[in-house]
C-alpha cells in the first residue's frame, strides 16, 4: 500500500512539472470560454489595426502591466516562449486564450483587470500574474 502511495505521488509531481514543459507537440489550450463579463469574444483578428502581444515564459509574463483604451478593439496575441500556458483576463469573457492565438479584444469598462495563466503550469503557476489597465 505504501509503495502505491509513493508511486502515485511521484507520478502526480511528474505530471505537474510536465505541464510547463516545452511545447514541441503544438498543444494548444481551448479558447473562447465565456464567464459573464464585459467584452466580446471573437477569435478572428480585429480590423482596428492596433495590437498587443503578451508573452509568457515559465511562471511569468513579459510585463507586469499592459495598457489598452476602453471601448477600442485590439488584436491581442498570446505567445509562450517557454512552457505550456494559457492566458485569462479575469472579470471578462476572455478567460482562456491559447498559445499562439490572436483574439479580438474589446473591453468597454475602464479599470484594472487581473491577467492569469489559465493552464496549470507547475510550481510557479499561482504567482503567474499581470495587470491589464483599461483607460
C-alpha atoms as a PDB file:
ATOM      1  CA  UNK A   1       0.000   0.000   0.000  1.00  0.00           C
ATOM      2  CA  UNK A   2       2.788   2.404   0.937  1.00  0.00           C
ATOM      3  CA  UNK A   3       4.576   1.755  -2.375  1.00  0.00           C
ATOM      4  CA  UNK A   4       1.426   2.684  -4.313  1.00  0.00           C
ATOM      5  CA  UNK A   5       1.075   5.978  -2.435  1.00  0.00           C
ATOM      6  CA  UNK A   6       4.707   6.853  -3.200  1.00  0.00           C
ATOM      7  CA  UNK A   7       4.283   5.812  -6.846  1.00  0.00           C
ATOM      8  CA  UNK A   8       1.124   7.913  -7.297  1.00  0.00           C
ATOM      9  CA  UNK A   9       2.755  10.887  -5.568  1.00  0.00           C
ATOM     10  CA  UNK A  10       5.784  10.759  -7.866  1.00  0.00           C
ATOM     11  CA  UNK A  11       3.576  10.338 -10.920  1.00  0.00           C
ATOM     12  CA  UNK A  12       1.476  13.365  -9.877  1.00  0.00           C
ATOM     13  CA  UNK A  13       4.553  15.532  -9.427  1.00  0.00           C
ATOM     14  CA  UNK A  14       5.887  14.440 -12.819  1.00  0.00           C
ATOM     15  CA  UNK A  15       2.604  15.416 -14.485  1.00  0.00           C
ATOM     16  CA  UNK A  16       2.592  18.865 -12.879  1.00  0.00           C
ATOM     17  CA  UNK A  17       6.184  19.536 -13.930  1.00  0.00           C
ATOM     18  CA  UNK A  18       5.475  18.276 -17.454  1.00  0.00           C
ATOM     19  CA  UNK A  19       2.567  20.720 -17.809  1.00  0.00           C
ATOM     20  CA  UNK A  20       5.087  23.540 -18.187  1.00  0.00           C
ATOM     21  CA  UNK A  21       7.415  21.598 -20.428  1.00  0.00           C
ATOM     22  CA  UNK A  22       8.361  22.552 -23.953  1.00  0.00           C
ATOM     23  CA  UNK A  23       5.554  22.911 -26.463  1.00  0.00           C
ATOM     24  CA  UNK A  24       7.109  20.623 -29.061  1.00  0.00           C
ATOM     25  CA  UNK A  25       3.822  18.865 -29.755  1.00  0.00           C
ATOM     26  CA  UNK A  26       1.964  22.058 -30.634  1.00  0.00           C
ATOM     27  CA  UNK A  27      -0.523  21.619 -27.784  1.00  0.00           C
ATOM     28  CA  UNK A  28      -2.955  24.494 -27.526  1.00  0.00           C
ATOM     29  CA  UNK A  29      -5.464  25.038 -24.729  1.00  0.00           C
ATOM     30  CA  UNK A  30      -9.080  25.588 -25.716  1.00  0.00           C
ATOM     31  CA  UNK A  31     -10.092  29.193 -26.225  1.00  0.00           C
ATOM     32  CA  UNK A  32     -13.063  31.497 -26.145  1.00  0.00           C
ATOM     33  CA  UNK A  33     -14.766  30.349 -22.979  1.00  0.00           C
ATOM     34  CA  UNK A  34     -17.081  32.956 -21.561  1.00  0.00           C
ATOM     35  CA  UNK A  35     -17.788  33.663 -17.909  1.00  0.00           C
ATOM     36  CA  UNK A  36     -20.276  36.508 -17.873  1.00  0.00           C
ATOM     37  CA  UNK A  37     -18.309  39.702 -18.045  1.00  0.00           C
ATOM     38  CA  UNK A  38     -17.663  42.675 -20.214  1.00  0.00           C
ATOM     39  CA  UNK A  39     -16.385  42.375 -23.748  1.00  0.00           C
ATOM     40  CA  UNK A  40     -16.851  40.390 -26.903  1.00  0.00           C
ATOM     41  CA  UNK A  41     -15.156  37.105 -27.779  1.00  0.00           C
ATOM     42  CA  UNK A  42     -14.012  36.748 -31.383  1.00  0.00           C
ATOM     43  CA  UNK A  43     -11.095  34.557 -32.397  1.00  0.00           C
ATOM     44  CA  UNK A  44     -10.697  36.354 -35.717  1.00  0.00           C
ATOM     45  CA  UNK A  45      -8.324  39.327 -35.762  1.00  0.00           C
ATOM     46  CA  UNK A  46      -9.891  42.742 -35.229  1.00  0.00           C
ATOM     47  CA  UNK A  47      -9.914  45.141 -38.126  1.00  0.00           C
ATOM     48  CA  UNK A  48      -8.783  48.048 -35.948  1.00  0.00           C
ATOM     49  CA  UNK A  49      -5.120  47.557 -36.832  1.00  0.00           C
ATOM     50  CA  UNK A  50      -3.886  48.063 -33.259  1.00  0.00           C
ATOM     51  CA  UNK A  51      -2.442  45.131 -31.390  1.00  0.00           C
ATOM     52  CA  UNK A  52      -0.917  43.888 -28.178  1.00  0.00           C
ATOM     53  CA  UNK A  53       1.400  40.902 -27.768  1.00  0.00           C
ATOM     54  CA  UNK A  54       1.629  39.250 -24.349  1.00  0.00           C
ATOM     55  CA  UNK A  55       4.443  36.743 -23.983  1.00  0.00           C
ATOM     56  CA  UNK A  56       4.720  34.089 -21.280  1.00  0.00           C
ATOM     57  CA  UNK A  57       7.682  32.090 -20.062  1.00  0.00           C
ATOM     58  CA  UNK A  58       7.858  29.755 -17.117  1.00  0.00           C
ATOM     59  CA  UNK A  59       5.861  31.387 -14.368  1.00  0.00           C
ATOM     60  CA  UNK A  60       5.855  34.972 -15.594  1.00  0.00           C
ATOM     61  CA  UNK A  61       4.515  37.298 -18.252  1.00  0.00           C
ATOM     62  CA  UNK A  62       6.923  39.608 -20.095  1.00  0.00           C
ATOM     63  CA  UNK A  63       5.491  42.710 -18.371  1.00  0.00           C
ATOM     64  CA  UNK A  64       3.842  43.404 -15.032  1.00  0.00           C
ATOM     65  CA  UNK A  65       1.145  45.534 -16.670  1.00  0.00           C
ATOM     66  CA  UNK A  66      -0.316  46.267 -20.084  1.00  0.00           C
ATOM     67  CA  UNK A  67      -2.495  49.219 -21.148  1.00  0.00           C
ATOM     68  CA  UNK A  68      -5.336  49.464 -23.656  1.00  0.00           C
ATOM     69  CA  UNK A  69      -8.088  52.008 -24.351  1.00  0.00           C
ATOM     70  CA  UNK A  70     -11.643  51.329 -23.200  1.00  0.00           C
ATOM     71  CA  UNK A  71     -14.116  50.519 -25.950  1.00  0.00           C
ATOM     72  CA  UNK A  72     -11.481  50.134 -28.691  1.00  0.00           C
ATOM     73  CA  UNK A  73     -10.972  46.687 -30.225  1.00  0.00           C
ATOM     74  CA  UNK A  74      -7.398  45.390 -30.338  1.00  0.00           C
ATOM     75  CA  UNK A  75      -5.749  42.262 -31.668  1.00  0.00           C
ATOM     76  CA  UNK A  76      -4.340  40.520 -28.587  1.00  0.00           C
ATOM     77  CA  UNK A  77      -1.770  37.850 -29.427  1.00  0.00           C
ATOM     78  CA  UNK A  78      -0.695  35.447 -26.703  1.00  0.00           C
ATOM     79  CA  UNK A  79       2.649  33.686 -27.115  1.00  0.00           C
ATOM     80  CA  UNK A  80       4.711  31.381 -24.937  1.00  0.00           C
ATOM     81  CA  UNK A  81       8.471  31.201 -25.303  1.00  0.00           C
ATOM     82  CA  UNK A  82       8.905  28.638 -22.532  1.00  0.00           C
ATOM     83  CA  UNK A  83       6.433  26.082 -21.223  1.00  0.00           C
ATOM     84  CA  UNK A  84       2.767  25.436 -21.916  1.00  0.00           C
ATOM     85  CA  UNK A  85       0.493  28.262 -20.812  1.00  0.00           C
ATOM     86  CA  UNK A  86      -2.900  29.799 -21.427  1.00  0.00           C
ATOM     87  CA  UNK A  87      -4.000  33.319 -20.589  1.00  0.00           C
ATOM     88  CA  UNK A  88      -7.145  34.637 -18.962  1.00  0.00           C
ATOM     89  CA  UNK A  89      -8.326  38.152 -18.172  1.00  0.00           C
ATOM     90  CA  UNK A  90     -10.458  37.906 -15.043  1.00  0.00           C
ATOM     91  CA  UNK A  91     -13.921  39.531 -14.931  1.00  0.00           C
ATOM     92  CA  UNK A  92     -14.143  39.484 -18.755  1.00  0.00           C
ATOM     93  CA  UNK A  93     -15.182  36.981 -21.404  1.00  0.00           C
ATOM     94  CA  UNK A  94     -11.505  36.381 -22.263  1.00  0.00           C
ATOM     95  CA  UNK A  95     -10.840  33.602 -19.781  1.00  0.00           C
ATOM     96  CA  UNK A  96      -8.873  31.089 -21.832  1.00  0.00           C
ATOM     97  CA  UNK A  97      -6.744  32.407 -24.687  1.00  0.00           C
ATOM     98  CA  UNK A  98      -4.479  29.694 -26.075  1.00  0.00           C
ATOM     99  CA  UNK A  99      -0.822  29.847 -27.016  1.00  0.00           C
ATOM    100  CA  UNK A 100      -0.031  31.461 -30.373  1.00  0.00           C
ATOM    101  CA  UNK A 101      -3.618  32.646 -30.612  1.00  0.00           C
ATOM    102  CA  UNK A 102      -4.786  36.102 -31.654  1.00  0.00           C
ATOM    103  CA  UNK A 103      -8.123  37.267 -30.291  1.00  0.00           C
ATOM    104  CA  UNK A 104     -10.076  40.433 -30.963  1.00  0.00           C
ATOM    105  CA  UNK A 105     -10.455  42.042 -27.529  1.00  0.00           C
ATOM    106  CA  UNK A 106     -12.761  44.906 -26.659  1.00  0.00           C
ATOM    107  CA  UNK A 107     -13.326  45.917 -23.041  1.00  0.00           C
ATOM    108  CA  UNK A 108     -15.762  48.774 -22.507  1.00  0.00           C
ATOM    109  CA  UNK A 109     -15.346  49.287 -18.749  1.00  0.00           C
ATOM    110  CA  UNK A 110     -12.239  51.241 -17.657  1.00  0.00           C
ATOM    111  CA  UNK A 111     -10.384  49.679 -14.745  1.00  0.00           C
ATOM    112  CA  UNK A 112      -7.654  47.274 -13.781  1.00  0.00           C
ATOM    113  CA  UNK A 113      -8.118  43.621 -14.701  1.00  0.00           C
ATOM    114  CA  UNK A 114      -6.019  40.695 -13.495  1.00  0.00           C
ATOM    115  CA  UNK A 115      -4.280  38.554 -16.109  1.00  0.00           C
ATOM    116  CA  UNK A 116      -3.580  34.971 -15.068  1.00  0.00           C
ATOM    117  CA  UNK A 117      -2.183  31.793 -16.558  1.00  0.00           C
ATOM    118  CA  UNK A 118      -5.226  29.615 -17.327  1.00  0.00           C
ATOM    119  CA  UNK A 119      -3.269  26.345 -17.633  1.00  0.00           C
ATOM    120  CA  UNK A 120      -1.822  24.679 -14.543  1.00  0.00           C
ATOM    121  CA  UNK A 121       1.854  25.072 -15.399  1.00  0.00           C
ATOM    122  CA  UNK A 122       3.784  23.857 -12.399  1.00  0.00           C
ATOM    123  CA  UNK A 123       5.251  25.172  -9.175  1.00  0.00           C
ATOM    124  CA  UNK A 124       5.143  28.893 -10.048  1.00  0.00           C
ATOM    125  CA  UNK A 125       1.646  28.834 -11.577  1.00  0.00           C
ATOM    126  CA  UNK A 126      -0.068  30.614  -8.659  1.00  0.00           C
ATOM    127  CA  UNK A 127       2.352  33.564  -8.924  1.00  0.00           C
ATOM    128  CA  UNK A 128       1.930  33.988 -12.691  1.00  0.00           C
ATOM    129  CA  UNK A 129       0.017  37.275 -12.732  1.00  0.00           C
ATOM    130  CA  UNK A 130      -0.028  40.618 -14.541  1.00  0.00           C
ATOM    131  CA  UNK A 131      -2.426  43.581 -14.837  1.00  0.00           C
ATOM    132  CA  UNK A 132      -4.392  44.895 -17.800  1.00  0.00           C
ATOM    133  CA  UNK A 133      -5.165  48.583 -17.350  1.00  0.00           C
ATOM    134  CA  UNK A 134      -8.123  49.732 -19.415  1.00  0.00           C
ATOM    135  CA  UNK A 135      -8.093  53.531 -19.659  1.00  0.00           C
END
